[in-house]
Amino acid sequence: MKLFLATLTAAAALAAGAADARPRWTEAQARTWYDRQPWLVGSNYAPATAINQLEMWQAETWDPRRIDYELGLAQGIGMNTMRVFLHDQLWQQDPEGFKRRIGEFLTIAQRHGIKPLFVLFDSCWDPDPKLGPQHPPIPGVHNSGWVQGPGLPGLRDKSRYPGYKAYVQGVIGAFANDDRVLGWDLWNEPDNGADQYKGQEGKEPLVRALLAQTFEWARAVDPSQPLTSGVWWHDDWTPTGGKLTAMEKLQLGESDVITFHDYSWPETFEARIRQLLPYNRPIICTEYMARGNGSTFDGSLPIAKRYNVGMMNWGFVDGKTQTRLPWDSWQKPYVTSEPTIWFHEVFRNDGTPYRVAETDLIRRLATSPKGVVPEVTRAESPAPRRGNRR
């Protein structure tokens, strides 16, 4: 009888929580929030001393001094946001310590005028993440230590799902009314197959179901910040025509603000923005800038500024992620020579810009009024196109 009553009470509490959860923001609410923000410009961020999100946040490798230094570099070029990845296993390992380190990160970021967008789950790269010391970078290989969260074993094990709910609600709930947080990106590239790793059959339906739950769990703690999950790979994101995948319908239908990724030439980048305009919500590009693939600061940033689209490039300071190296390094590692041009990253490890013209452009765009694209100087003009040099 006691067990029955306890079960009934828990079910009632769950139903009450769902009933009390805030709905998706209206278009007007989303625009009001966005109007309060500056033009958002920043990077995807992990310190140069971390190979992945686990190494960034675990107590043994937590490096606030380096983070403070690097966010100072961001402040110096006018950046005001960073997209920062978390991980469910960090919560399972030490929830109170994890929250303290997030709070410390927010204190450092606020000191430099930066509001982070936190990412909770990720479908990219190693499907079997493990806590503890992380392996060193594989020589010559792009992002060789990045891990999925939850990993594939965790996706397949439904007994772990209450732990994911505790993680989502514990982290978001702790900072739900914290003005230092820009927002919550619930799942990075949820339908990314991470094809360089074998044995991931049946992953997408599991991720899609868990993402739907994650939106519900997040809304139940009523955050004052927006929720989102970004579309990234498809050719057509327009709301009509029936070409959206089931995952994209979920992402675009549940997100308070629209986010997307694009690593293409400026013409494609602008076309993607135009596909998303009919949703009548703020738009933020949460990944772009792969020089060898045609996606550059001077090609994409002025377009985004004109449309008032927020921008977060991949890579900030060259370090253990090695994302200065191109994607094709997974097939042919750059062990005897460097690539002709860096793929990602804004700064070298010593804090000097990879290209001063790029950091000058970011600063000029960030410090000009919303929607205003200052005149481009000769030094900042895009170089003539000579094709894809990947």
Foldseek 3Di string as FASTA:
>chain_A
DVVVVVVVVVVVVVVVLLVPFDAQDDLVLQVVLLVVDALAEAAADAFQQDLEQLLCQDPVNPDVVSLLVQLLLCLVLQHQEYEYEHALVVCVVPVVSSLVSVVSSLVSSVVSNHAYAYEYWEPAADQDDDHDDFDFFDFQAFSRGYYTHPHLVCLVDVVCLVSSLCSLCSNCLVCLPPPSHQYYAYYEPLVDPNVVDPDCPPRNVSSLVSVLVSLSSNSSSPGPHWYAHAAEDDQALAPDDPPDDPSSCSRLVRTSAYEYEDAAALVSLLVVVVSPVVSSGAYEHQEYFFVLRRTHLLGHVLSCQLVSYHYYYYAAENHRSNQLRDNCCSVPGPNPHGDPGGGDYQYYNVSHGPQPLNSNLSSVSSPDHRNDRDDRDPSNHDDDDDDRPD
